[in-house]
Amino acid sequence: MMKPRYFFKAFLLLLALFLLFSCKPASGGPDETSVPSTEAKTGFDVTADFVLIRNEYSTDGVEAARYLRTAFSELFGTELTLGTDFVKRGEEVVPGEYEILVGKTGRPAAGSLYGGLRARDWSYEILNDGCLVIAGGNSESTLEAAKAFLKDAFGYTGPGTGAKKTLEAGFRQDFKYEYPVKELSLNGTDFADWGIVYMNTGWKTVAQDMAASLADPAGIEPPVEFNLNTKSKHNIYLRQLGSSPKNGYDVMIHADDKGDIYLEGNSEDTIQRAVALFLKEVLPEKYTAAMKLTFEKEIGVYSFASPEYDRINPAKNEKFRYENGLTLVKQEESKVSEGIRLLRLEYKDYEGGPVVAFLMICEPGTVTPYCGLPNAADTIGEGVKQNVLDQAVAYQNKYGVDIVGGINGDLFFSATEPVSNPFHLGKRLTSATGPVFARMKDGTYFIGYDNEIDFSNVEEAVGGRYLALKNGGFADLTPGDDLIYYRHPRSCVGTDPEGRLYLLVVDGRQSGYSGGCSIPDMGVMLLPFGATDAINFDGGGSATMIVKDYANGQLSCRNKPSDGKMRAVLDTLLLVRNPDNVK
């Protein structure tokens, strides 16, 4: 006989079974189709539920998203929505259920793939059935990641290729570019701590292109940010130069005492020019495993228009520029005498070609300039010419003076007289007119046009053709004469308001050594040293500079005249240290 407690348990079990089966609907009843399916997805399939997500504030991922959208449309027959990771300030980030994350989005799910990615590196991974991440170190590598995923997953390489199939979570590929530089610093700071700040909204693309160029050695692409919203320890600033550029420049590049770098210009063209000059200056031609980049100087350039060719001569089918982007790369200085120094200057032009110049700077009161003539004559002789060195030696022998140096003088288009305004000992030597360098009877200097000067007050003068500088700015730039803009050997004399003299000779027509310059180029060379006015003398084969070596007392030619020897000329500009002997 069953005990009562066991009988009661059996009764409860039978009751439960009865209630269970009596609540199940009959087969084929209306409730069977109304209950939603809870069956989980078994793999990654691209459906219309997916949204392509990219970063709201960056162009990174745009091209990759477009490429993916086109490919998925062909493979799966669905046109995916393009979206961004925009979230209002203060609101929580709530990812969608089905997302394809492209580029550096703000989604936490993508963070692990971006850790350690450099510019050319990329990764992709299906994190789960509702999330695919396409990650690259920059826009180009993000696009490469998208292309690699489509090829690896579906065999898709372009229109009409590939086949749809289901993929599993964990499908992943990583690409690491082998960068030549393992350690990189700029001005003593790890390059990973640098950023680029653009101060004009129109310069964003310039800043992004610059960042990509700086990423080339080590794959470290500096973050690009607007205005002063920067989190970087050090920055390269792209900013407005201002209304009063130093010495008339419209491109300035310099570093401050903290090591930050400033690229300054007044337009997108000049900022692009500044970036190009900076990159050329700071990035070496060859990379090494550990590179310490430095930029601690100051570069000022007058950019007339752009780095492109500025003028075309249809008659000769020739292209040429106002100026040639001369950047000083080497400067050697020597003392000639007290208060007088000689500089040998090496430049690179737009194409990296060399230009060599010689600049003599004489402090106020150290020398007195004279117009030299062949055989130290007092008049210009009929057809008589003599090179600069021989004229200087003749002058020393005649007057017993100490000539510290000199350059060739005015242009001459005949064998009888130069182009304009030679004066010696207060006497006008020809009736020619034109621009002139003059020493006035009160000892001051004048550089300018003949209608600006009282010739009755002139003591010595050498004429020229065209002014390179006038009152601290560029002069005679009207494109009416190709002689201004074609590159030649050049000579000129400059002054500043304090009374310094600047004698400049630029070598040219010698491939591999020096390509010569335009007249505006001479202004570019002289402005950094303080000259405010300068006149162009004869150039070409006439361009000659002589300097005395006080160790042996001998004058000699310091530049390399393009003729291979010093050319005979009609007049010179000679610098005398003891002028009282000249009478």
Protein backbone atom coordinates (compact mmCIF):
# COMPACT_ATOMS: atom_id res chain seq x y z
CA MET A 1 0.00 0.00 0.00
CA MET A 2 1.38 3.49 -1.09
CA LYS A 3 2.20 5.85 1.71
CA PRO A 4 0.24 9.18 1.74
CA ARG A 5 3.23 11.42 1.07
CA TYR A 6 4.25 9.46 -2.05
CA PHE A 7 0.68 9.48 -3.32
CA PHE A 8 0.55 13.26 -3.01
CA LYS A 9 3.79 13.73 -5.00
CA ALA A 10 2.52 11.54 -7.81
CA PHE A 11 -0.68 13.53 -7.95
CA LEU A 12 1.21 16.82 -8.39
CA LEU A 13 3.34 15.39 -11.19
CA LEU A 14 0.28 14.20 -13.13
CA LEU A 15 -1.38 17.58 -12.68
CA ALA A 16 1.65 19.44 -14.07
CA LEU A 17 1.78 17.21 -17.17
CA PHE A 18 -1.91 17.76 -17.80
CA LEU A 19 -1.57 21.56 -17.62
CA LEU A 20 1.50 21.57 -19.91
CA PHE A 21 -0.12 19.68 -22.77
CA SER A 22 -3.45 21.36 -22.45
CA CYS A 23 -1.79 24.91 -23.00
CA LYS A 24 0.07 24.02 -26.29
CA PRO A 25 -1.88 25.27 -29.32
CA ALA A 26 -3.06 22.85 -31.95
CA SER A 27 -0.86 22.29 -34.94
CA GLY A 28 -1.52 24.82 -37.69
CA GLY A 29 -3.32 27.26 -35.36
CA PRO A 30 -3.01 31.02 -35.63
CA ASP A 31 -0.54 31.41 -32.73
CA GLU A 32 2.19 29.34 -34.43
CA THR A 33 3.10 32.05 -36.98
CA SER A 34 2.73 35.01 -34.60
CA VAL A 35 5.61 34.00 -32.32
CA PRO A 36 8.92 35.66 -33.54
CA SER A 37 11.88 33.44 -34.21
CA THR A 38 14.73 33.63 -31.70
CA GLU A 39 17.20 31.69 -33.82
CA ALA A 40 20.67 33.44 -33.77
CA LYS A 41 22.58 34.38 -36.94
CA THR A 42 25.13 31.81 -37.96
CA GLY A 43 27.58 34.08 -39.83
CA PHE A 44 28.40 37.52 -41.24
CA ASP A 45 26.12 38.49 -44.14
CA VAL A 46 25.79 42.03 -45.47
CA THR A 47 22.15 43.07 -45.35
CA ALA A 48 20.33 46.38 -45.64
CA ASP A 49 20.48 46.61 -41.84
CA PHE A 50 24.19 47.47 -41.98
CA VAL A 51 25.43 51.08 -41.93
CA LEU A 52 28.88 52.17 -43.13
CA ILE A 53 30.29 54.34 -40.33
CA ARG A 54 33.23 56.74 -40.69
CA ASN A 55 34.66 59.55 -38.54
CA GLU A 56 32.54 62.72 -38.47
CA TYR A 57 35.49 65.13 -38.37
CA SER A 58 37.96 63.50 -40.74
CA THR A 59 38.19 62.54 -44.39
CA ASP A 60 39.88 59.32 -43.32
CA GLY A 61 37.69 56.44 -44.51
CA VAL A 62 35.66 58.34 -47.11
CA GLU A 63 37.16 56.65 -50.17
CA ALA A 64 37.23 53.26 -48.46
CA ALA A 65 33.54 53.57 -47.49
CA ARG A 66 32.60 54.43 -51.06
CA TYR A 67 34.56 51.48 -52.39
CA LEU A 68 32.91 49.11 -49.91
CA ARG A 69 29.44 50.44 -50.71
CA THR A 70 29.94 49.84 -54.43
CA ALA A 71 31.32 46.34 -53.84
CA PHE A 72 28.55 45.27 -51.42
CA SER A 73 25.93 46.57 -53.82
CA GLU A 74 27.32 44.30 -56.56
CA LEU A 75 27.88 41.30 -54.30
CA PHE A 76 24.79 41.40 -52.06
CA GLY A 77 22.40 43.55 -54.08
CA THR A 78 21.90 46.04 -51.28
CA GLU A 79 22.74 49.75 -51.15
CA LEU A 80 24.17 50.43 -47.69
CA THR A 81 23.58 53.70 -45.86
CA LEU A 82 26.59 55.93 -45.25
CA GLY A 83 26.81 57.39 -41.74
CA THR A 84 29.22 58.93 -39.26
CA ASP A 85 30.10 58.37 -35.62
CA PHE A 86 28.68 61.78 -34.63
CA VAL A 87 27.44 61.97 -31.04
CA LYS A 88 26.17 65.15 -29.40
CA ARG A 89 28.39 66.47 -26.65
CA GLY A 90 27.55 64.84 -23.35
CA GLU A 91 25.51 62.02 -24.87
CA GLU A 92 26.45 58.37 -24.58
CA VAL A 93 27.96 56.53 -27.55
CA VAL A 94 25.38 53.93 -28.58
CA PRO A 95 26.61 51.85 -31.55
CA GLY A 96 24.07 50.48 -33.98
CA GLU A 97 23.26 46.78 -34.10
CA TYR A 98 24.84 46.28 -37.52
CA GLU A 99 27.84 48.48 -38.39
CA ILE A 100 30.83 48.40 -40.72
CA LEU A 101 33.41 50.72 -39.12
CA VAL A 102 35.68 52.37 -41.70
CA GLY A 103 38.72 54.43 -40.67
CA LYS A 104 39.42 55.93 -37.27
CA THR A 105 35.92 56.04 -35.81
CA GLY A 106 35.05 56.80 -32.22
CA ARG A 107 33.58 53.33 -31.69
CA PRO A 108 35.28 51.42 -28.84
CA ALA A 109 35.02 48.22 -30.88
CA ALA A 110 37.55 49.54 -33.38
CA GLY A 111 40.13 50.66 -30.83
CA SER A 112 42.01 47.37 -30.55
CA LEU A 113 42.74 47.25 -34.27
CA TYR A 114 44.18 50.76 -34.31
CA GLY A 115 46.67 50.19 -31.52
CA GLY A 116 50.17 50.57 -32.99
CA LEU A 117 49.07 51.15 -36.60
CA ARG A 118 51.46 53.40 -38.51
CA ALA A 119 50.65 55.32 -41.67
CA ARG A 120 50.93 52.47 -44.19
CA ASP A 121 49.77 49.68 -41.84
CA TRP A 122 46.24 48.28 -42.01
CA SER A 123 43.99 45.62 -40.48
CA TYR A 124 40.49 44.23 -40.91
CA GLU A 125 38.44 41.92 -38.70
CA ILE A 126 34.90 40.61 -38.38
CA LEU A 127 34.38 41.11 -34.66
CA ASN A 128 30.96 39.42 -34.63
CA ASP A 129 27.95 38.89 -36.86
CA GLY A 130 27.05 42.57 -36.58
CA CYS A 131 30.39 44.37 -36.74
CA LEU A 132 33.18 44.55 -39.32
CA VAL A 133 36.18 46.87 -38.76
CA ILE A 134 38.31 48.23 -41.62
CA ALA A 135 41.33 50.03 -40.12
CA GLY A 136 44.27 51.88 -41.67
CA GLY A 137 46.98 54.23 -40.49
CA ASN A 138 45.78 56.91 -42.91
CA SER A 139 43.22 57.38 -45.69
CA GLU A 140 45.28 55.53 -48.28
CA SER A 141 45.97 52.52 -46.10
CA THR A 142 42.32 52.38 -44.96
CA LEU A 143 41.36 52.05 -48.62
CA GLU A 144 43.99 49.31 -49.01
CA ALA A 145 42.45 47.48 -46.03
CA ALA A 146 39.00 47.68 -47.65
CA LYS A 147 40.31 46.33 -50.94
CA ALA A 148 42.20 43.52 -49.19
CA PHE A 149 39.11 42.47 -47.21
CA LEU A 150 36.90 42.31 -50.29
CA LYS A 151 39.48 40.35 -52.22
CA ASP A 152 40.23 37.90 -49.38
CA ALA A 153 36.60 37.42 -48.34
CA PHE A 154 34.74 37.43 -51.65
CA GLY A 155 37.36 37.47 -54.42
CA TYR A 156 36.18 40.97 -55.33
CA THR A 157 38.73 43.10 -57.18
CA GLY A 158 36.42 45.32 -59.18
CA PRO A 159 33.13 45.39 -61.13
CA GLY A 160 31.99 41.95 -62.27
CA THR A 161 34.26 39.97 -59.94
CA GLY A 162 33.74 37.98 -56.74
CA ALA A 163 30.87 35.99 -55.24
CA LYS A 164 28.62 36.37 -52.20
CA LYS A 165 29.27 34.05 -49.25
CA THR A 166 28.79 33.90 -45.48
CA LEU A 167 31.79 34.63 -43.25
CA GLU A 168 32.50 33.78 -39.64
CA ALA A 169 33.54 36.09 -36.82
CA GLY A 170 37.31 36.25 -36.35
CA PHE A 171 38.04 36.56 -40.08
CA ARG A 172 41.06 38.87 -39.87
CA GLN A 173 44.17 40.10 -41.68
CA ASP A 174 46.97 42.46 -40.60
CA PHE A 175 49.57 44.25 -42.72
CA LYS A 176 52.65 45.89 -41.24
CA TYR A 177 54.81 48.04 -43.51
CA GLU A 178 58.54 47.76 -42.90
CA TYR A 179 59.55 51.37 -42.29
CA PRO A 180 63.25 52.24 -42.71
CA VAL A 181 63.31 54.53 -39.65
CA LYS A 182 62.83 52.93 -36.24
CA GLU A 183 63.59 55.98 -34.08
CA LEU A 184 62.56 59.49 -35.12
CA SER A 185 62.75 62.82 -33.32
CA LEU A 186 62.34 66.47 -34.24
CA ASN A 187 64.19 69.20 -32.36
CA GLY A 188 65.09 66.70 -29.66
CA THR A 189 61.51 65.45 -29.05
CA ASP A 190 60.06 62.06 -30.01
CA PHE A 191 58.14 62.55 -33.24
CA ALA A 192 55.08 60.85 -31.78
CA ASP A 193 54.70 63.92 -29.54
CA TRP A 194 54.35 66.33 -32.50
CA GLY A 195 51.20 67.65 -34.12
CA ILE A 196 50.26 70.06 -36.93
CA VAL A 197 47.99 73.02 -36.20
CA TYR A 198 46.45 75.00 -39.06
CA MET A 199 45.15 78.47 -38.20
CA ASN A 200 43.10 79.03 -41.36
CA THR A 201 40.24 76.68 -42.28
CA GLY A 202 41.26 76.82 -45.94
CA TRP A 203 44.66 75.28 -45.13
CA LYS A 204 43.34 71.96 -43.81
CA THR A 205 44.26 70.00 -46.95
CA VAL A 206 47.77 71.53 -46.96
CA ALA A 207 48.20 70.42 -43.32
CA GLN A 208 46.94 66.90 -44.09
CA ASP A 209 49.28 66.55 -47.07
CA MET A 210 52.15 67.74 -44.91
CA ALA A 211 51.31 65.18 -42.22
CA ALA A 212 51.34 62.41 -44.83
CA SER A 213 54.78 63.53 -46.07
CA LEU A 214 56.19 63.61 -42.54
CA ALA A 215 54.88 60.07 -41.99
CA ASP A 216 57.02 58.71 -44.81
CA PRO A 217 60.20 57.91 -42.81
CA ALA A 218 58.75 56.13 -39.77
CA GLY A 219 55.00 55.90 -40.35
CA ILE A 220 54.23 58.32 -37.53
CA GLU A 221 51.63 60.71 -38.93
CA PRO A 222 51.21 63.83 -36.78
CA PRO A 223 47.61 64.61 -35.79
CA VAL A 224 46.17 67.56 -37.71
CA GLU A 225 44.09 69.98 -35.67
CA PHE A 226 42.49 73.37 -36.20
CA ASN A 227 43.44 76.56 -34.40
CA LEU A 228 44.87 75.91 -30.93
CA ASN A 229 42.81 72.86 -29.99
CA THR A 230 45.86 70.68 -29.73
CA LYS A 231 46.80 67.90 -27.35
CA SER A 232 50.34 67.47 -28.72
CA LYS A 233 53.39 68.44 -26.67
CA HIS A 234 54.97 70.21 -29.65
CA ASN A 235 53.47 71.58 -32.86
CA ILE A 236 54.20 72.80 -36.34
CA TYR A 237 51.93 75.82 -36.80
CA LEU A 238 50.61 76.94 -40.19
CA ARG A 239 49.61 80.52 -39.55
CA GLN A 240 49.08 83.96 -41.08
CA LEU A 241 52.24 85.99 -41.53
CA GLY A 242 50.64 89.33 -40.74
CA SER A 243 50.31 92.70 -42.39
CA SER A 244 53.97 93.72 -42.02
CA PRO A 245 56.14 90.78 -43.06
CA LYS A 246 59.79 91.00 -42.11
CA ASN A 247 61.87 92.57 -44.89
CA GLY A 248 58.98 92.28 -47.32
CA TYR A 249 58.87 88.47 -47.26
CA ASP A 250 55.59 86.66 -47.70
CA VAL A 251 56.95 83.30 -46.55
CA MET A 252 58.66 82.89 -43.18
CA ILE A 253 59.75 79.68 -41.44
CA HIS A 254 61.27 79.72 -37.96
CA ALA A 255 61.40 77.94 -34.60
CA ASP A 256 60.83 79.43 -31.16
CA ASP A 257 62.92 78.88 -28.04
CA LYS A 258 60.70 75.93 -27.04
CA GLY A 259 61.39 74.12 -30.29
CA ASP A 260 57.93 74.63 -31.84
CA ILE A 261 58.00 75.49 -35.55
CA TYR A 262 56.06 78.17 -37.43
CA LEU A 263 55.33 78.14 -41.15
CA GLU A 264 53.86 81.51 -42.07
CA GLY A 265 52.27 82.90 -45.20
CA ASN A 266 49.47 85.16 -46.39
CA SER A 267 47.68 82.75 -48.72
CA GLU A 268 47.25 79.07 -49.47
CA ASP A 269 49.92 79.36 -52.19
CA THR A 270 52.49 80.83 -49.81
CA ILE A 271 51.66 78.29 -47.08
CA GLN A 272 52.17 75.51 -49.63
CA ARG A 273 55.49 77.11 -50.52
CA ALA A 274 56.45 77.27 -46.83
CA VAL A 275 55.57 73.60 -46.36
CA ALA A 276 57.59 72.59 -49.43
CA LEU A 277 60.63 74.54 -48.23
CA PHE A 278 60.35 73.13 -44.71
CA LEU A 279 60.07 69.52 -45.89
CA LYS A 280 63.00 69.99 -48.23
CA GLU A 281 65.04 71.48 -45.39
CA VAL A 282 64.21 68.96 -42.67
CA LEU A 283 63.87 65.59 -44.45
CA PRO A 284 67.19 64.03 -45.53
CA GLU A 285 67.70 62.45 -48.94
CA LYS A 286 68.58 59.12 -47.30
CA TYR A 287 66.93 57.59 -44.26
CA THR A 288 68.73 55.81 -41.44
CA ALA A 289 67.38 53.57 -38.66
CA ALA A 290 67.62 56.40 -36.13
CA MET A 291 67.05 59.96 -37.34
CA LYS A 292 67.24 63.17 -35.34
CA LEU A 293 65.62 65.90 -37.42
CA THR A 294 66.34 69.51 -36.53
CA PHE A 295 65.00 72.86 -37.64
CA GLU A 296 66.27 75.77 -35.59
CA LYS A 297 66.95 78.42 -38.21
CA GLU A 298 64.98 81.14 -39.93
CA ILE A 299 64.09 81.13 -43.62
CA GLY A 300 62.49 84.10 -45.34
CA VAL A 301 61.45 84.02 -48.98
CA TYR A 302 59.63 86.43 -51.22
CA SER A 303 57.28 84.21 -53.23
CA PHE A 304 56.18 86.25 -56.22
CA ALA A 305 53.42 83.94 -57.37
CA SER A 306 53.92 80.22 -56.91
CA PRO A 307 56.53 77.50 -57.33
CA GLU A 308 55.32 77.07 -60.92
CA TYR A 309 56.79 78.82 -63.94
CA ASP A 310 55.61 82.41 -63.87
CA ARG A 311 56.34 83.63 -67.38
CA ILE A 312 56.49 82.25 -70.89
CA ASN A 313 58.29 83.82 -73.83
CA PRO A 314 56.22 82.70 -76.85
CA ALA A 315 58.83 83.87 -79.36
CA LYS A 316 61.47 81.56 -77.86
CA ASN A 317 59.05 78.97 -76.44
CA GLU A 318 60.86 79.29 -73.12
CA LYS A 319 59.59 79.13 -69.55
CA PHE A 320 61.18 81.15 -66.80
CA ARG A 321 60.43 82.53 -63.37
CA TYR A 322 60.47 85.83 -61.57
CA GLU A 323 62.54 84.14 -58.88
CA ASN A 324 63.82 80.61 -58.53
CA GLY A 325 63.08 79.57 -54.95
CA LEU A 326 66.64 80.04 -53.76
CA THR A 327 67.14 78.52 -50.32
CA LEU A 328 70.42 79.11 -48.47
CA VAL A 329 72.03 75.79 -47.61
CA LYS A 330 75.59 76.77 -46.70
CA GLN A 331 77.34 79.94 -45.56
CA GLU A 332 81.09 80.40 -45.10
CA GLU A 333 82.37 83.66 -43.65
CA SER A 334 85.85 85.15 -43.44
CA LYS A 335 87.21 88.44 -42.13
CA VAL A 336 88.84 90.55 -44.84
CA SER A 337 89.78 93.50 -42.68
CA GLU A 338 88.39 95.28 -39.64
CA GLY A 339 84.66 95.78 -40.23
CA ILE A 340 84.76 94.02 -43.60
CA ARG A 341 83.68 90.42 -44.11
CA LEU A 342 83.33 88.12 -47.10
CA LEU A 343 80.62 85.49 -47.32
CA ARG A 344 80.51 82.56 -49.69
CA LEU A 345 76.86 81.54 -50.04
CA GLU A 346 75.50 78.31 -51.49
CA TYR A 347 71.82 78.05 -52.46
CA LYS A 348 69.51 75.41 -53.90
CA ASP A 349 66.81 76.37 -56.39
CA TYR A 350 63.35 74.84 -56.93
CA GLU A 351 64.84 71.80 -58.68
CA GLY A 352 67.70 71.40 -56.21
CA GLY A 353 70.23 72.98 -58.57
CA PRO A 354 73.19 74.86 -57.03
CA VAL A 355 73.75 78.61 -57.02
CA VAL A 356 76.95 80.13 -55.59
CA ALA A 357 77.31 83.78 -54.62
CA PHE A 358 79.92 86.01 -52.96
CA LEU A 359 78.85 88.86 -50.69
CA MET A 360 81.17 91.47 -49.22
CA ILE A 361 79.65 93.46 -46.34
CA CYS A 362 81.42 96.66 -45.27
CA GLU A 363 80.46 98.38 -42.02
CA PRO A 364 79.87 102.17 -42.12
CA GLY A 365 83.06 104.19 -42.42
CA THR A 366 85.36 101.28 -43.26
CA VAL A 367 85.69 101.96 -47.01
CA THR A 368 85.05 104.66 -49.57
CA PRO A 369 83.71 103.59 -52.99
CA TYR A 370 85.21 104.98 -56.21
CA CYS A 371 84.49 104.59 -59.88
CA GLY A 372 87.47 102.77 -61.34
CA LEU A 373 88.52 103.13 -64.99
CA PRO A 374 91.00 101.30 -67.24
CA ASN A 375 94.60 102.28 -66.46
CA ALA A 376 93.29 104.51 -63.63
CA ALA A 377 92.34 107.18 -66.18
CA ASP A 378 90.24 110.23 -65.38
CA THR A 379 88.16 109.83 -68.54
CA ILE A 380 86.65 106.93 -70.43
CA GLY A 381 89.00 106.20 -73.31
CA GLU A 382 87.92 105.32 -76.82
CA GLY A 383 87.51 101.55 -76.84
CA VAL A 384 89.76 101.04 -73.82
CA LYS A 385 88.73 98.22 -71.48
CA GLN A 386 90.49 96.35 -68.69
CA ASN A 387 89.47 93.62 -66.25
CA VAL A 388 88.57 94.43 -62.64
CA LEU A 389 91.82 93.22 -61.12
CA ASP A 390 94.00 95.18 -63.55
CA GLN A 391 91.93 98.33 -63.00
CA ALA A 392 92.35 97.96 -59.22
CA VAL A 393 96.11 97.42 -59.46
CA ALA A 394 96.47 100.45 -61.76
CA TYR A 395 94.45 102.54 -59.29
CA GLN A 396 96.64 101.46 -56.36
CA ASN A 397 99.80 102.24 -58.30
CA LYS A 398 98.59 105.67 -59.37
CA TYR A 399 97.22 106.91 -56.08
CA GLY A 400 99.06 104.78 -53.52
CA VAL A 401 95.79 103.64 -51.99
CA ASP A 402 94.74 100.45 -50.22
CA ILE A 403 91.97 98.81 -52.22
CA VAL A 404 90.20 96.14 -50.19
CA GLY A 405 88.14 94.84 -53.11
CA GLY A 406 85.80 95.65 -55.95
CA ILE A 407 83.39 94.45 -58.62
CA ASN A 408 82.73 95.16 -62.26
CA GLY A 409 80.60 98.19 -63.05
CA ASP A 410 77.98 99.22 -65.55
CA LEU A 411 76.67 97.42 -68.60
CA PHE A 412 78.07 98.59 -71.94
CA PHE A 413 76.52 98.17 -75.35
CA SER A 414 79.38 99.77 -77.27
CA ALA A 415 83.13 99.98 -77.00
CA THR A 416 82.98 103.63 -76.03
CA GLU A 417 80.80 104.17 -72.99
CA PRO A 418 78.74 102.37 -70.33
CA VAL A 419 74.97 102.56 -70.14
CA SER A 420 74.51 105.27 -67.50
CA ASN A 421 75.98 107.94 -65.25
CA PRO A 422 79.63 107.24 -64.43
CA PHE A 423 81.18 109.94 -62.15
CA HIS A 424 84.77 110.28 -60.95
CA LEU A 425 86.10 112.99 -58.63
CA GLY A 426 82.88 114.94 -59.06
CA LYS A 427 83.06 114.85 -62.86
CA ARG A 428 80.41 113.31 -65.08
CA LEU A 429 82.18 111.11 -67.61
CA THR A 430 79.43 110.53 -70.19
CA SER A 431 76.02 111.91 -71.10
CA ALA A 432 74.32 108.53 -70.59
CA THR A 433 71.42 108.34 -68.15
CA GLY A 434 69.69 105.68 -66.10
CA PRO A 435 69.67 104.09 -62.64
CA VAL A 436 72.75 104.80 -60.57
CA PHE A 437 74.73 104.06 -57.43
CA ALA A 438 76.28 107.27 -56.15
CA ARG A 439 78.44 108.49 -53.30
CA MET A 440 77.36 112.01 -52.58
CA LYS A 441 79.73 114.80 -51.60
CA ASP A 442 78.49 114.57 -48.01
CA GLY A 443 79.52 110.87 -47.88
CA THR A 444 76.03 109.39 -48.03
CA TYR A 445 74.96 106.82 -50.62
CA PHE A 446 72.18 106.90 -53.16
CA ILE A 447 70.67 104.07 -55.21
CA GLY A 448 67.83 104.92 -57.54
CA TYR A 449 66.73 106.55 -60.77
CA ASP A 450 68.47 109.56 -62.29
CA ASN A 451 65.35 111.77 -62.00
CA GLU A 452 65.56 111.42 -58.20
CA ILE A 453 69.07 112.78 -57.73
CA ASP A 454 70.83 116.15 -57.84
CA PHE A 455 73.93 115.32 -59.88
CA SER A 456 75.66 118.52 -58.74
CA ASN A 457 76.12 116.84 -55.37
CA VAL A 458 77.58 113.59 -56.73
CA GLU A 459 81.25 112.77 -56.04
CA GLU A 460 81.54 109.22 -57.42
CA ALA A 461 78.98 107.12 -59.29
CA VAL A 462 78.62 103.92 -61.28
CA GLY A 463 75.50 103.41 -63.35
CA GLY A 464 73.54 100.25 -63.90
CA ARG A 465 70.35 98.87 -65.33
CA TYR A 466 67.37 97.93 -63.15
CA LEU A 467 66.99 98.15 -59.41
CA ALA A 468 66.78 94.92 -57.46
CA LEU A 469 65.61 96.63 -54.25
CA LYS A 470 64.20 100.03 -53.42
CA ASN A 471 63.31 101.13 -49.88
CA GLY A 472 63.25 97.54 -48.60
CA GLY A 473 61.03 96.14 -51.34
CA PHE A 474 61.40 94.66 -54.78
CA ALA A 475 61.68 97.03 -57.73
CA ASP A 476 61.66 96.96 -61.54
CA LEU A 477 59.58 93.79 -61.76
CA THR A 478 57.41 94.82 -64.71
CA PRO A 479 57.76 91.93 -67.16
CA GLY A 480 58.81 94.12 -70.04
CA ASP A 481 62.37 92.92 -70.44
CA ASP A 482 63.39 89.28 -70.25
CA LEU A 483 66.84 90.33 -69.01
CA ILE A 484 65.28 90.81 -65.57
CA TYR A 485 64.03 87.23 -65.28
CA TYR A 486 66.43 85.03 -67.18
CA ARG A 487 69.14 83.41 -65.08
CA HIS A 488 72.63 84.81 -65.63
CA PRO A 489 75.79 85.53 -63.66
CA ARG A 490 75.02 88.80 -61.83
CA SER A 491 76.71 91.70 -60.03
CA CYS A 492 75.16 94.39 -57.89
CA VAL A 493 75.80 96.83 -55.04
CA GLY A 494 73.44 97.42 -52.14
CA THR A 495 73.12 99.76 -49.18
CA ASP A 496 71.14 100.06 -45.95
CA PRO A 497 70.01 103.11 -43.95
CA GLU A 498 72.98 102.82 -41.55
CA GLY A 499 75.50 103.26 -44.38
CA ARG A 500 76.70 99.69 -44.95
CA LEU A 501 77.81 98.61 -48.40
CA TYR A 502 76.93 95.21 -49.88
CA LEU A 503 78.83 93.97 -52.94
CA LEU A 504 77.23 90.85 -54.45
CA VAL A 505 78.42 88.66 -57.31
CA VAL A 506 76.51 85.53 -58.33
CA ASP A 507 78.18 82.92 -60.52
CA GLY A 508 76.24 81.29 -63.33
CA ARG A 509 76.21 79.44 -66.67
CA GLN A 510 78.21 76.63 -65.06
CA SER A 511 76.19 73.43 -64.78
CA GLY A 512 76.74 71.52 -61.56
CA TYR A 513 78.42 74.49 -59.91
CA SER A 514 76.12 77.49 -60.23
CA GLY A 515 73.08 78.20 -62.38
CA GLY A 516 72.95 81.97 -62.00
CA CYS A 517 69.94 84.00 -60.94
CA SER A 518 67.37 86.60 -61.90
CA ILE A 519 67.43 90.19 -60.68
CA PRO A 520 64.64 89.46 -58.15
CA ASP A 521 66.79 86.57 -56.90
CA MET A 522 69.47 89.09 -55.94
CA GLY A 523 66.92 90.89 -53.81
CA VAL A 524 66.03 87.56 -52.19
CA MET A 525 69.71 87.07 -51.36
CA LEU A 526 70.34 90.57 -50.00
CA LEU A 527 67.26 91.13 -47.85
CA PRO A 528 68.23 88.68 -45.06
CA PHE A 529 71.52 90.50 -44.53
CA GLY A 530 69.85 93.89 -44.13
CA ALA A 531 70.21 95.60 -47.50
CA THR A 532 67.25 97.80 -48.44
CA ASP A 533 68.39 99.20 -51.80
CA ALA A 534 70.35 97.52 -54.58
CA ILE A 535 71.19 98.18 -58.22
CA ASN A 536 72.06 95.64 -60.90
CA PHE A 537 75.42 96.13 -62.62
CA ASP A 538 76.72 94.27 -65.65
CA GLY A 539 76.45 90.49 -65.47
CA GLY A 540 77.21 87.50 -67.67
CA GLY A 541 80.90 87.03 -68.32
CA SER A 542 81.61 90.45 -66.80
CA ALA A 543 80.50 89.42 -63.27
CA THR A 544 83.71 89.61 -61.19
CA MET A 545 84.63 90.15 -57.54
CA ILE A 546 88.15 90.83 -56.35
CA VAL A 547 89.21 90.80 -52.67
CA LYS A 548 92.53 91.52 -50.97
CA ASP A 549 94.21 88.88 -48.84
CA TYR A 550 95.91 90.92 -46.12
CA ALA A 551 98.16 88.00 -45.25
CA ASN A 552 100.09 88.58 -48.47
CA GLY A 553 98.72 91.98 -49.55
CA GLN A 554 97.53 90.62 -52.90
CA LEU A 555 94.23 91.22 -54.68
CA SER A 556 92.68 88.22 -56.43
CA CYS A 557 89.47 87.14 -58.10
CA ARG A 558 87.26 85.21 -55.65
CA ASN A 559 84.39 84.07 -57.86
CA LYS A 560 84.47 81.94 -61.04
CA PRO A 561 83.70 84.14 -64.07
CA SER A 562 81.68 82.26 -66.67
CA ASP A 563 84.17 83.06 -69.45
CA GLY A 564 86.81 81.07 -67.58
CA LYS A 565 88.77 84.29 -67.02
CA MET A 566 88.09 87.89 -66.01
CA ARG A 567 86.52 89.89 -68.83
CA ALA A 568 87.75 93.37 -69.75
CA VAL A 569 85.16 96.03 -68.80
CA LEU A 570 84.73 99.79 -69.10
CA ASP A 571 84.39 100.68 -65.42
CA THR A 572 84.42 99.19 -61.92
CA LEU A 573 83.38 99.93 -58.35
CA LEU A 574 86.48 99.93 -56.14
CA LEU A 575 86.53 100.08 -52.32
CA VAL A 576 89.35 102.22 -50.91
CA ARG A 577 90.46 102.18 -47.24
CA ASN A 578 92.55 105.42 -47.31
CA PRO A 579 90.65 107.84 -49.54
CA ASP A 580 92.71 110.92 -48.65
CA ASN A 581 95.33 109.83 -51.19
CA VAL A 582 92.88 110.10 -54.11
CA LYS A 583 93.12 113.59 -55.59
